[in-house]
Every structure is written in structure tokens, then in C-alpha cells.
Amino acid sequence: WAEIAGWYRPGIAAQLRLNGCAPDMLNHVINGKT
């Protein structure tokens, strides 16, 4: 999660984590994009 936090704007990784998202979910396709 610390590595993921470096990829995005501040707070995004924390929001993902607090909302029950797992790191592997970032690879899931939504409307043609991950």
C-alpha cells in the first residue's frame, strides 16, 4: 500500500484501502480500462 500511495495523488491509496479494495483490484478492467 505504501508503494501504491506513491503512484497516485495524495490520499487515493488510503481511500482504496479503507473501502476494502485489494491491490490486485487495480488490474480489473472497468469499461475497457483498468
PDB file of all heavy atoms in Angstrom:
ATOM      1  N   TRP A   1       0.822  -1.203   0.000  1.00  0.00           N
ATOM      2  CA  TRP A   1       0.000   0.000   0.000  1.00  0.00           C
ATOM      3  C   TRP A   1       0.863   1.264   0.000  1.00  0.00           C
ATOM      4  O   TRP A   1       0.499   2.266  -0.615  1.00  0.00           O
ATOM      5  CB  TRP A   1      -0.985  -0.003   1.158  1.00  0.00           C
ATOM      6  CG  TRP A   1      -2.181  -0.859   0.858  1.00  0.00           C
ATOM      7  CD1 TRP A   1      -2.501  -2.047   1.427  1.00  0.00           C
ATOM      8  CD2 TRP A   1      -3.199  -0.600  -0.112  1.00  0.00           C
ATOM      9  NE1 TRP A   1      -3.654  -2.544   0.864  1.00  0.00           N
ATOM     10  CE2 TRP A   1      -4.099  -1.666  -0.079  1.00  0.00           C
ATOM     11  CE3 TRP A   1      -3.424   0.439  -1.012  1.00  0.00           C
ATOM     12  CZ2 TRP A   1      -5.221  -1.732  -0.906  1.00  0.00           C
ATOM     13  CZ3 TRP A   1      -4.548   0.370  -1.836  1.00  0.00           C
ATOM     14  CH2 TRP A   1      -5.426  -0.695  -1.778  1.00  0.00           C
ATOM     15  N   ALA A   2       2.003   1.211   0.638  1.00  0.00           N
ATOM     16  CA  ALA A   2       2.912   2.368   0.620  1.00  0.00           C
ATOM     17  C   ALA A   2       3.422   2.608  -0.796  1.00  0.00           C
ATOM     18  O   ALA A   2       3.524   3.755  -1.244  1.00  0.00           O
ATOM     19  CB  ALA A   2       4.072   2.150   1.581  1.00  0.00           C
ATOM     20  N   GLU A   3       3.728   1.539  -1.507  1.00  0.00           N
ATOM     21  CA  GLU A   3       4.171   1.674  -2.899  1.00  0.00           C
ATOM     22  C   GLU A   3       3.045   2.239  -3.760  1.00  0.00           C
ATOM     23  O   GLU A   3       3.256   3.134  -4.577  1.00  0.00           O
ATOM     24  CB  GLU A   3       4.616   0.320  -3.441  1.00  0.00           C
ATOM     25  CG  GLU A   3       5.142   0.400  -4.857  1.00  0.00           C
ATOM     26  CD  GLU A   3       5.620  -0.945  -5.378  1.00  0.00           C
ATOM     27  OE1 GLU A   3       5.948  -1.840  -4.572  1.00  0.00           O
ATOM     28  OE2 GLU A   3       5.647  -1.090  -6.606  1.00  0.00           O
ATOM     29  N   ILE A   4       1.842   1.725  -3.561  1.00  0.00           N
ATOM     30  CA  ILE A   4       0.692   2.206  -4.324  1.00  0.00           C
ATOM     31  C   ILE A   4       0.444   3.684  -4.035  1.00  0.00           C
ATOM     32  O   ILE A   4       0.109   4.453  -4.943  1.00  0.00           O
ATOM     33  CB  ILE A   4      -0.556   1.350  -4.013  1.00  0.00           C
ATOM     34  CG1 ILE A   4      -0.368  -0.051  -4.602  1.00  0.00           C
ATOM     35  CG2 ILE A   4      -1.824   2.009  -4.543  1.00  0.00           C
ATOM     36  CD1 ILE A   4      -1.404  -1.063  -4.161  1.00  0.00           C
ATOM     37  N   ALA A   5       0.645   4.100  -2.819  1.00  0.00           N
ATOM     38  CA  ALA A   5       0.440   5.505  -2.455  1.00  0.00           C
ATOM     39  C   ALA A   5       1.332   6.432  -3.271  1.00  0.00           C
ATOM     40  O   ALA A   5       0.953   7.565  -3.565  1.00  0.00           O
ATOM     41  CB  ALA A   5       0.687   5.707  -0.957  1.00  0.00           C
ATOM     42  N   GLY A   6       2.502   5.949  -3.675  1.00  0.00           N
ATOM     43  CA  GLY A   6       3.408   6.754  -4.481  1.00  0.00           C
ATOM     44  C   GLY A   6       2.973   6.900  -5.928  1.00  0.00           C
ATOM     45  O   GLY A   6       3.467   7.767  -6.635  1.00  0.00           O
ATOM     46  N   TRP A   7       2.041   6.084  -6.364  1.00  0.00           N
ATOM     47  CA  TRP A   7       1.598   6.111  -7.749  1.00  0.00           C
ATOM     48  C   TRP A   7       0.560   7.187  -8.031  1.00  0.00           C
ATOM     49  O   TRP A   7       0.409   7.629  -9.163  1.00  0.00           O
ATOM     50  CB  TRP A   7       0.965   4.788  -8.156  1.00  0.00           C
ATOM     51  CG  TRP A   7       1.854   3.595  -8.103  1.00  0.00           C
ATOM     52  CD1 TRP A   7       3.220   3.568  -7.982  1.00  0.00           C
ATOM     53  CD2 TRP A   7       1.441   2.233  -8.161  1.00  0.00           C
ATOM     54  NE1 TRP A   7       3.677   2.281  -7.960  1.00  0.00           N
ATOM     55  CE2 TRP A   7       2.607   1.434  -8.073  1.00  0.00           C
ATOM     56  CE3 TRP A   7       0.215   1.612  -8.277  1.00  0.00           C
ATOM     57  CZ2 TRP A   7       2.546   0.046  -8.112  1.00  0.00           C
ATOM     58  CZ3 TRP A   7       0.163   0.239  -8.311  1.00  0.00           C
ATOM     59  CH2 TRP A   7       1.330  -0.539  -8.236  1.00  0.00           C
ATOM     60  N   TYR A   8      -0.206   7.558  -7.002  1.00  0.00           N
ATOM     61  CA  TYR A   8      -1.375   8.399  -7.202  1.00  0.00           C
ATOM     62  C   TYR A   8      -1.306   9.690  -6.400  1.00  0.00           C
ATOM     63  O   TYR A   8      -0.407   9.901  -5.597  1.00  0.00           O
ATOM     64  CB  TYR A   8      -2.649   7.645  -6.799  1.00  0.00           C
ATOM     65  CG  TYR A   8      -2.815   6.313  -7.475  1.00  0.00           C
ATOM     66  CD1 TYR A   8      -2.854   5.146  -6.732  1.00  0.00           C
ATOM     67  CD2 TYR A   8      -2.918   6.222  -8.857  1.00  0.00           C
ATOM     68  CE1 TYR A   8      -3.020   3.912  -7.348  1.00  0.00           C
ATOM     69  CE2 TYR A   8      -3.075   4.986  -9.482  1.00  0.00           C
ATOM     70  CZ  TYR A   8      -3.126   3.849  -8.724  1.00  0.00           C
ATOM     71  OH  TYR A   8      -3.277   2.632  -9.322  1.00  0.00           O
ATOM     72  N   ARG A   9      -2.324  10.517  -6.613  1.00  0.00           N
ATOM     73  CA  ARG A   9      -2.468  11.744  -5.834  1.00  0.00           C
ATOM     74  C   ARG A   9      -2.599  11.380  -4.357  1.00  0.00           C
ATOM     75  O   ARG A   9      -3.046  10.286  -4.012  1.00  0.00           O
ATOM     76  CB  ARG A   9      -3.721  12.513  -6.292  1.00  0.00           C
ATOM     77  CG  ARG A   9      -3.658  12.933  -7.756  1.00  0.00           C
ATOM     78  CD  ARG A   9      -4.933  13.631  -8.220  1.00  0.00           C
ATOM     79  NE  ARG A   9      -6.186  12.994  -7.862  1.00  0.00           N
ATOM     80  CZ  ARG A   9      -6.785  12.026  -8.545  1.00  0.00           C
ATOM     81  NH1 ARG A   9      -6.229  11.551  -9.626  1.00  0.00           N
ATOM     82  NH2 ARG A   9      -7.932  11.532  -8.151  1.00  0.00           N
ATOM     83  N   PRO A  10      -2.236  12.303  -3.472  1.00  0.00           N
ATOM     84  CA  PRO A  10      -2.312  12.018  -2.029  1.00  0.00           C
ATOM     85  C   PRO A  10      -3.699  11.536  -1.591  1.00  0.00           C
ATOM     86  O   PRO A  10      -4.715  12.086  -2.008  1.00  0.00           O
ATOM     87  CB  PRO A  10      -1.982  13.357  -1.385  1.00  0.00           C
ATOM     88  CG  PRO A  10      -1.162  14.076  -2.399  1.00  0.00           C
ATOM     89  CD  PRO A  10      -1.718  13.646  -3.732  1.00  0.00           C
ATOM     90  N   GLY A  11      -3.695  10.512  -0.778  1.00  0.00           N
ATOM     91  CA  GLY A  11      -4.920  10.009  -0.161  1.00  0.00           C
ATOM     92  C   GLY A  11      -5.664   8.945  -0.937  1.00  0.00           C
ATOM     93  O   GLY A  11      -6.545   8.294  -0.394  1.00  0.00           O
ATOM     94  N   ILE A  12      -5.332   8.752  -2.204  1.00  0.00           N
ATOM     95  CA  ILE A  12      -6.082   7.775  -3.002  1.00  0.00           C
ATOM     96  C   ILE A  12      -5.876   6.362  -2.482  1.00  0.00           C
ATOM     97  O   ILE A  12      -6.824   5.606  -2.325  1.00  0.00           O
ATOM     98  CB  ILE A  12      -5.733   7.886  -4.495  1.00  0.00           C
ATOM     99  CG1 ILE A  12      -6.317   9.180  -5.043  1.00  0.00           C
ATOM    100  CG2 ILE A  12      -6.241   6.679  -5.269  1.00  0.00           C
ATOM    101  CD1 ILE A  12      -6.040   9.429  -6.496  1.00  0.00           C
ATOM    102  N   ALA A  13      -4.645   5.975  -2.204  1.00  0.00           N
ATOM    103  CA  ALA A  13      -4.381   4.626  -1.698  1.00  0.00           C
ATOM    104  C   ALA A  13      -5.110   4.395  -0.380  1.00  0.00           C
ATOM    105  O   ALA A  13      -5.684   3.327  -0.162  1.00  0.00           O
ATOM    106  CB  ALA A  13      -2.885   4.390  -1.531  1.00  0.00           C
ATOM    107  N   ALA A  14      -5.119   5.397   0.475  1.00  0.00           N
ATOM    108  CA  ALA A  14      -5.819   5.270   1.758  1.00  0.00           C
ATOM    109  C   ALA A  14      -7.310   5.078   1.536  1.00  0.00           C
ATOM    110  O   ALA A  14      -7.936   4.243   2.194  1.00  0.00           O
ATOM    111  CB  ALA A  14      -5.553   6.495   2.618  1.00  0.00           C
ATOM    112  N   GLN A  15      -7.899   5.828   0.606  1.00  0.00           N
ATOM    113  CA  GLN A  15      -9.317   5.672   0.309  1.00  0.00           C
ATOM    114  C   GLN A  15      -9.618   4.282  -0.219  1.00  0.00           C
ATOM    115  O   GLN A  15     -10.608   3.663   0.179  1.00  0.00           O
ATOM    116  CB  GLN A  15      -9.770   6.716  -0.713  1.00  0.00           C
ATOM    117  CG  GLN A  15     -10.039   8.069  -0.128  1.00  0.00           C
ATOM    118  CD  GLN A  15     -10.612   8.987  -1.193  1.00  0.00           C
ATOM    119  OE1 GLN A  15      -9.860   9.599  -1.923  1.00  0.00           O
ATOM    120  NE2 GLN A  15     -11.916   9.047  -1.278  1.00  0.00           N
ATOM    121  N   LEU A  16      -8.782   3.799  -1.126  1.00  0.00           N
ATOM    122  CA  LEU A  16      -8.979   2.453  -1.668  1.00  0.00           C
ATOM    123  C   LEU A  16      -8.930   1.417  -0.554  1.00  0.00           C
ATOM    124  O   LEU A  16      -9.803   0.557  -0.440  1.00  0.00           O
ATOM    125  CB  LEU A  16      -7.912   2.143  -2.718  1.00  0.00           C
ATOM    126  CG  LEU A  16      -7.979   2.926  -4.024  1.00  0.00           C
ATOM    127  CD1 LEU A  16      -6.694   2.728  -4.816  1.00  0.00           C
ATOM    128  CD2 LEU A  16      -9.189   2.506  -4.844  1.00  0.00           C
ATOM    129  N   ARG A  17      -7.908   1.524   0.273  1.00  0.00           N
ATOM    130  CA  ARG A  17      -7.705   0.549   1.353  1.00  0.00           C
ATOM    131  C   ARG A  17      -8.851   0.592   2.360  1.00  0.00           C
ATOM    132  O   ARG A  17      -9.384  -0.443   2.754  1.00  0.00           O
ATOM    133  CB  ARG A  17      -6.374   0.848   2.042  1.00  0.00           C
ATOM    134  CG  ARG A  17      -5.924  -0.223   2.987  1.00  0.00           C
ATOM    135  CD  ARG A  17      -4.551   0.105   3.517  1.00  0.00           C
ATOM    136  NE  ARG A  17      -4.013  -0.987   4.280  1.00  0.00           N
ATOM    137  CZ  ARG A  17      -2.838  -0.978   4.867  1.00  0.00           C
ATOM    138  NH1 ARG A  17      -2.060   0.080   4.764  1.00  0.00           N
ATOM    139  NH2 ARG A  17      -2.412  -2.019   5.544  1.00  0.00           N
ATOM    140  N   LEU A  18      -9.270   1.786   2.746  1.00  0.00           N
ATOM    141  CA  LEU A  18     -10.357   1.932   3.725  1.00  0.00           C
ATOM    142  C   LEU A  18     -11.700   1.451   3.179  1.00  0.00           C
ATOM    143  O   LEU A  18     -12.577   1.085   3.947  1.00  0.00           O
ATOM    144  CB  LEU A  18     -10.473   3.385   4.189  1.00  0.00           C
ATOM    145  CG  LEU A  18      -9.331   3.874   5.071  1.00  0.00           C
ATOM    146  CD1 LEU A  18      -9.453   5.376   5.315  1.00  0.00           C
ATOM    147  CD2 LEU A  18      -9.298   3.118   6.395  1.00  0.00           C
ATOM    148  N   ASN A  19     -11.835   1.437   1.877  1.00  0.00           N
ATOM    149  CA  ASN A  19     -13.083   0.986   1.263  1.00  0.00           C
ATOM    150  C   ASN A  19     -13.041  -0.482   0.869  1.00  0.00           C
ATOM    151  O   ASN A  19     -13.872  -0.949   0.096  1.00  0.00           O
ATOM    152  CB  ASN A  19     -13.428   1.868   0.058  1.00  0.00           C
ATOM    153  CG  ASN A  19     -14.056   3.161   0.489  1.00  0.00           C
ATOM    154  OD1 ASN A  19     -15.250   3.201   0.779  1.00  0.00           O
ATOM    155  ND2 ASN A  19     -13.272   4.219   0.575  1.00  0.00           N
ATOM    156  N   GLY A  20     -12.046  -1.207   1.375  1.00  0.00           N
ATOM    157  CA  GLY A  20     -11.995  -2.649   1.188  1.00  0.00           C
ATOM    158  C   GLY A  20     -11.409  -3.126  -0.120  1.00  0.00           C
ATOM    159  O   GLY A  20     -11.544  -4.297  -0.471  1.00  0.00           O
ATOM    160  N   CYS A  21     -10.761  -2.234  -0.862  1.00  0.00           N
ATOM    161  CA  CYS A  21     -10.133  -2.648  -2.115  1.00  0.00           C
ATOM    162  C   CYS A  21      -8.813  -3.341  -1.823  1.00  0.00           C
ATOM    163  O   CYS A  21      -8.109  -2.981  -0.880  1.00  0.00           O
ATOM    164  CB  CYS A  21      -9.890  -1.438  -3.010  1.00  0.00           C
ATOM    165  SG  CYS A  21     -11.415  -0.638  -3.539  1.00  0.00           S
ATOM    166  N   ALA A  22      -8.501  -4.323  -2.636  1.00  0.00           N
ATOM    167  CA  ALA A  22      -7.228  -5.022  -2.532  1.00  0.00           C
ATOM    168  C   ALA A  22      -6.323  -4.531  -3.658  1.00  0.00           C
ATOM    169  O   ALA A  22      -6.820  -4.105  -4.706  1.00  0.00           O
ATOM    170  CB  ALA A  22      -7.444  -6.521  -2.654  1.00  0.00           C
ATOM    171  N   PRO A  23      -5.019  -4.593  -3.466  1.00  0.00           N
ATOM    172  CA  PRO A  23      -4.104  -4.134  -4.520  1.00  0.00           C
ATOM    173  C   PRO A  23      -4.348  -4.780  -5.879  1.00  0.00           C
ATOM    174  O   PRO A  23      -4.242  -4.114  -6.905  1.00  0.00           O
ATOM    175  CB  PRO A  23      -2.723  -4.488  -3.975  1.00  0.00           C
ATOM    176  CG  PRO A  23      -2.893  -4.421  -2.490  1.00  0.00           C
ATOM    177  CD  PRO A  23      -4.278  -4.966  -2.255  1.00  0.00           C
ATOM    178  N   ASP A  24      -4.720  -6.061  -5.901  1.00  0.00           N
ATOM    179  CA  ASP A  24      -4.941  -6.723  -7.186  1.00  0.00           C
ATOM    180  C   ASP A  24      -6.163  -6.192  -7.925  1.00  0.00           C
ATOM    181  O   ASP A  24      -6.301  -6.375  -9.132  1.00  0.00           O
ATOM    182  CB  ASP A  24      -5.032  -8.238  -7.018  1.00  0.00           C
ATOM    183  CG  ASP A  24      -6.239  -8.684  -6.217  1.00  0.00           C
ATOM    184  OD1 ASP A  24      -6.666  -7.950  -5.309  1.00  0.00           O
ATOM    185  OD2 ASP A  24      -6.750  -9.782  -6.495  1.00  0.00           O
ATOM    186  N   MET A  25      -7.039  -5.488  -7.227  1.00  0.00           N
ATOM    187  CA  MET A  25      -8.212  -4.900  -7.870  1.00  0.00           C
ATOM    188  C   MET A  25      -7.829  -3.797  -8.858  1.00  0.00           C
ATOM    189  O   MET A  25      -8.603  -3.468  -9.752  1.00  0.00           O
ATOM    190  CB  MET A  25      -9.184  -4.336  -6.838  1.00  0.00           C
ATOM    191  CG  MET A  25      -9.909  -5.360  -6.052  1.00  0.00           C
ATOM    192  SD  MET A  25     -11.017  -4.539  -4.895  1.00  0.00           S
ATOM    193  CE  MET A  25     -12.038  -5.890  -4.389  1.00  0.00           C
ATOM    194  N   LEU A  26      -6.642  -3.243  -8.713  1.00  0.00           N
ATOM    195  CA  LEU A  26      -6.206  -2.181  -9.617  1.00  0.00           C
ATOM    196  C   LEU A  26      -6.022  -2.694 -11.038  1.00  0.00           C
ATOM    197  O   LEU A  26      -5.992  -1.913 -11.986  1.00  0.00           O
ATOM    198  CB  LEU A  26      -4.914  -1.544  -9.107  1.00  0.00           C
ATOM    199  CG  LEU A  26      -5.039  -0.838  -7.758  1.00  0.00           C
ATOM    200  CD1 LEU A  26      -3.675  -0.405  -7.254  1.00  0.00           C
ATOM    201  CD2 LEU A  26      -5.982   0.344  -7.855  1.00  0.00           C
ATOM    202  N   ASN A  27      -5.938  -4.016 -11.195  1.00  0.00           N
ATOM    203  CA  ASN A  27      -5.786  -4.630 -12.518  1.00  0.00           C
ATOM    204  C   ASN A  27      -7.126  -4.943 -13.184  1.00  0.00           C
ATOM    205  O   ASN A  27      -7.159  -5.350 -14.335  1.00  0.00           O
ATOM    206  CB  ASN A  27      -4.971  -5.921 -12.420  1.00  0.00           C
ATOM    207  CG  ASN A  27      -3.562  -5.654 -11.960  1.00  0.00           C
ATOM    208  OD1 ASN A  27      -2.959  -4.663 -12.329  1.00  0.00           O
ATOM    209  ND2 ASN A  27      -3.039  -6.524 -11.128  1.00  0.00           N
ATOM    210  N   HIS A  28      -8.220  -4.753 -12.459  1.00  0.00           N
ATOM    211  CA  HIS A  28      -9.531  -5.088 -13.002  1.00  0.00           C
ATOM    212  C   HIS A  28      -9.973  -4.060 -14.033  1.00  0.00           C
ATOM    213  O   HIS A  28      -9.793  -2.862 -13.858  1.00  0.00           O
ATOM    214  CB  HIS A  28     -10.570  -5.214 -11.890  1.00  0.00           C
ATOM    215  CG  HIS A  28     -10.371  -6.443 -11.068  1.00  0.00           C
ATOM    216  ND1 HIS A  28     -11.101  -7.594 -11.265  1.00  0.00           N
ATOM    217  CD2 HIS A  28      -9.507  -6.721 -10.072  1.00  0.00           C
ATOM    218  CE1 HIS A  28     -10.688  -8.518 -10.416  1.00  0.00           C
ATOM    219  NE2 HIS A  28      -9.715  -8.013  -9.686  1.00  0.00           N
ATOM    220  N   VAL A  29     -10.563  -4.556 -15.090  1.00  0.00           N
ATOM    221  CA  VAL A  29     -10.988  -3.703 -16.200  1.00  0.00           C
ATOM    222  C   VAL A  29     -12.392  -3.165 -15.937  1.00  0.00           C
ATOM    223  O   VAL A  29     -13.297  -3.903 -15.560  1.00  0.00           O
ATOM    224  CB  VAL A  29     -10.947  -4.481 -17.526  1.00  0.00           C
ATOM    225  CG1 VAL A  29     -11.462  -3.629 -18.677  1.00  0.00           C
ATOM    226  CG2 VAL A  29      -9.536  -4.963 -17.812  1.00  0.00           C
ATOM    227  N   ILE A  30     -12.513  -1.871 -16.146  1.00  0.00           N
ATOM    228  CA  ILE A  30     -13.786  -1.172 -15.992  1.00  0.00           C
ATOM    229  C   ILE A  30     -13.994  -0.375 -17.279  1.00  0.00           C
ATOM    230  O   ILE A  30     -13.212   0.536 -17.578  1.00  0.00           O
ATOM    231  CB  ILE A  30     -13.755  -0.217 -14.788  1.00  0.00           C
ATOM    232  CG1 ILE A  30     -13.412  -0.970 -13.506  1.00  0.00           C
ATOM    233  CG2 ILE A  30     -15.068   0.550 -14.662  1.00  0.00           C
ATOM    234  CD1 ILE A  30     -13.007  -0.070 -12.354  1.00  0.00           C
ATOM    235  N   ASN A  31     -14.991  -0.724 -18.053  1.00  0.00           N
ATOM    236  CA  ASN A  31     -15.272  -0.021 -19.313  1.00  0.00           C
ATOM    237  C   ASN A  31     -14.036   0.093 -20.206  1.00  0.00           C
ATOM    238  O   ASN A  31     -13.741   1.153 -20.751  1.00  0.00           O
ATOM    239  CB  ASN A  31     -15.856   1.367 -19.041  1.00  0.00           C
ATOM    240  CG  ASN A  31     -17.196   1.297 -18.364  1.00  0.00           C
ATOM    241  OD1 ASN A  31     -17.981   0.385 -18.606  1.00  0.00           O
ATOM    242  ND2 ASN A  31     -17.482   2.254 -17.497  1.00  0.00           N
ATOM    243  N   GLY A  32     -13.289  -0.989 -20.322  1.00  0.00           N
ATOM    244  CA  GLY A  32     -12.164  -1.028 -21.247  1.00  0.00           C
ATOM    245  C   GLY A  32     -10.836  -0.536 -20.706  1.00  0.00           C
ATOM    246  O   GLY A  32      -9.831  -0.595 -21.396  1.00  0.00           O
ATOM    247  N   LYS A  33     -10.815  -0.020 -19.485  1.00  0.00           N
ATOM    248  CA  LYS A  33      -9.561   0.431 -18.874  1.00  0.00           C
ATOM    249  C   LYS A  33      -9.441  -0.187 -17.490  1.00  0.00           C
ATOM    250  O   LYS A  33     -10.438  -0.497 -16.850  1.00  0.00           O
ATOM    251  CB  LYS A  33      -9.539   1.955 -18.742  1.00  0.00           C
ATOM    252  CG  LYS A  33      -9.507   2.668 -20.065  1.00  0.00           C
ATOM    253  CD  LYS A  33      -9.309   4.143 -19.867  1.00  0.00           C
ATOM    254  CE  LYS A  33      -9.224   4.833 -21.219  1.00  0.00           C
ATOM    255  NZ  LYS A  33      -8.953   6.257 -21.076  1.00  0.00           N
ATOM    256  N   THR A  34      -8.200  -0.348 -17.048  1.00  0.00           N
ATOM    257  CA  THR A  34      -8.018  -0.881 -15.696  1.00  0.00           C
ATOM    258  C   THR A  34      -8.304   0.221 -14.681  1.00  0.00           C
ATOM    259  O   THR A  34      -8.255   1.416 -15.005  1.00  0.00           O
ATOM    260  CB  THR A  34      -6.586  -1.403 -15.475  1.00  0.00           C
ATOM    261  OG1 THR A  34      -5.682  -0.303 -15.558  1.00  0.00           O
ATOM    262  CG2 THR A  34      -6.227  -2.497 -16.460  1.00  0.00           C
TER     263      THR A  34
END
